Amino acid sequence: MIDFEHDDEVPVYVISVAAQLAGLHPQTLRQYDRLGLVSPGRSVGRNRLYSLKDIQRLREVTKLSNEGVTLSGIMRILILEEQLEKALKENIRLREAMGPSTAVVVWRPNRRA
């Protein structure tokens, strides 16, 4: 069972509600979908359904656009942020898999004089 109250990735908002929550026009959301800036889910009838995570992303796109970043620049920033998030999660997973370290690090000053 999906916990709709606590899962930000569940697509539940129709385009008109998502546009209102993001402070954008529905046509802008359609354009961002076509460009790949956001990828909403689809209902059985193929209507776009947006999650809270999608709405947060739309707000980020708006913020970057208002700062003068081009749409292609925004796309690159979003891709890099996703890659960073994946790398950080993988780092945490690997650290947990390794367990606590018992390594000893010895530092010796450079004796050049």
Protein backbone atom coordinates (compact mmCIF):
# COMPACT_ATOMS: atom_id res chain seq x y z
CA MET A 1 0.00 0.00 0.00
CA ILE A 2 1.31 3.46 -0.95
CA ASP A 3 1.53 6.07 1.78
CA PHE A 4 0.35 9.11 -0.18
CA GLU A 5 0.94 11.47 2.76
CA HIS A 6 4.63 10.61 3.11
CA ASP A 7 5.78 9.69 -0.39
CA ASP A 8 6.86 12.75 -2.38
CA GLU A 9 7.28 10.67 -5.54
CA VAL A 10 3.67 9.48 -5.90
CA PRO A 11 2.07 11.28 -8.88
CA VAL A 12 -1.30 12.52 -7.66
CA TYR A 13 -1.74 16.13 -8.88
CA VAL A 14 -3.42 16.89 -12.21
CA ILE A 15 -1.75 19.53 -14.36
CA SER A 16 -4.01 22.40 -13.25
CA VAL A 17 -3.30 21.77 -9.56
CA ALA A 18 0.42 21.21 -10.17
CA ALA A 19 0.63 24.44 -12.18
CA GLN A 20 -1.06 26.35 -9.38
CA LEU A 21 1.24 24.83 -6.73
CA ALA A 22 4.32 25.60 -8.84
CA GLY A 23 3.12 29.10 -9.75
CA LEU A 24 3.22 28.37 -13.48
CA HIS A 25 0.80 28.18 -16.39
CA PRO A 26 -0.29 24.64 -17.40
CA GLN A 27 1.13 25.24 -20.89
CA THR A 28 4.53 25.88 -19.31
CA LEU A 29 4.32 22.49 -17.58
CA ARG A 30 3.52 20.85 -20.92
CA GLN A 31 6.52 22.58 -22.50
CA TYR A 32 8.83 21.51 -19.66
CA ASP A 33 7.56 17.94 -20.09
CA ARG A 34 8.31 18.03 -23.82
CA LEU A 35 11.81 19.38 -23.09
CA GLY A 36 12.44 16.71 -20.45
CA LEU A 37 12.86 19.15 -17.56
CA VAL A 38 10.15 17.27 -15.66
CA SER A 39 8.68 13.85 -16.33
CA PRO A 40 5.24 13.53 -14.76
CA GLY A 41 3.50 10.22 -14.36
CA ARG A 42 0.50 9.33 -16.49
CA SER A 43 -2.99 8.24 -15.55
CA VAL A 44 -4.80 5.41 -17.32
CA GLY A 45 -6.28 8.05 -19.64
CA ARG A 46 -2.73 9.37 -20.37
CA ASN A 47 -3.28 12.58 -18.40
CA ARG A 48 -0.20 14.03 -16.72
CA LEU A 49 0.01 13.46 -12.97
CA TYR A 50 2.59 15.34 -10.91
CA SER A 51 4.18 14.39 -7.59
CA LEU A 52 5.41 16.74 -4.89
CA LYS A 53 8.94 16.00 -6.12
CA ASP A 54 7.91 17.11 -9.62
CA ILE A 55 6.47 20.33 -8.20
CA GLN A 56 9.68 20.99 -6.26
CA ARG A 57 11.61 20.47 -9.49
CA LEU A 58 9.31 22.91 -11.32
CA ARG A 59 9.97 25.50 -8.63
CA GLU A 60 13.72 24.95 -9.03
CA VAL A 61 13.43 25.40 -12.81
CA THR A 62 11.51 28.64 -12.25
CA LYS A 63 14.11 29.89 -9.76
CA LEU A 64 17.00 29.16 -12.13
CA SER A 65 15.13 30.70 -15.07
CA ASN A 66 14.47 33.87 -13.05
CA GLU A 67 18.22 34.02 -12.32
CA GLY A 68 18.90 34.13 -16.06
CA VAL A 69 19.91 30.52 -16.66
CA THR A 70 18.88 29.21 -20.09
CA LEU A 71 16.70 26.10 -20.40
CA SER A 72 19.66 24.07 -21.69
CA GLY A 73 21.71 25.31 -18.73
CA ILE A 74 18.90 24.38 -16.36
CA MET A 75 18.78 20.89 -17.86
CA ARG A 76 22.54 20.48 -17.33
CA ILE A 77 22.29 21.70 -13.72
CA LEU A 78 19.45 19.28 -12.98
CA ILE A 79 21.37 16.36 -14.52
CA LEU A 80 24.48 17.21 -12.48
CA GLU A 81 22.40 17.50 -9.28
CA GLU A 82 20.88 14.06 -9.96
CA GLN A 83 24.33 12.57 -10.57
CA LEU A 84 25.63 14.12 -7.35
CA GLU A 85 22.68 12.76 -5.38
CA LYS A 86 23.24 9.26 -6.79
CA ALA A 87 26.98 9.44 -6.02
CA LEU A 88 26.31 10.55 -2.44
CA LYS A 89 23.83 7.71 -1.92
CA GLU A 90 26.32 5.22 -3.37
CA ASN A 91 29.04 6.61 -1.09
CA ILE A 92 26.80 6.09 1.95
CA ARG A 93 25.90 2.57 0.79
CA LEU A 94 29.55 1.63 0.33
CA ARG A 95 30.58 3.08 3.69
CA GLU A 96 27.82 1.12 5.42
CA ALA A 97 28.83 -2.06 3.59
CA MET A 98 32.48 -1.66 4.66
CA GLY A 99 31.69 -1.15 8.32
CA PRO A 100 33.83 0.90 10.67
CA SER A 101 37.42 1.44 9.61
CA THR A 102 40.29 0.18 11.74
CA ALA A 103 42.96 1.68 9.50
CA VAL A 104 45.73 3.70 11.04
CA VAL A 105 47.08 6.69 9.15
CA VAL A 106 50.62 7.80 9.85
CA TRP A 107 51.69 11.26 8.85
CA ARG A 108 55.33 12.18 8.58
CA PRO A 109 56.36 15.76 7.92
CA ASN A 110 58.49 16.44 4.89
CA ARG A 111 62.06 16.86 6.17
CA ARG A 112 63.37 19.12 3.43
CA ALA A 113 65.39 21.99 4.82
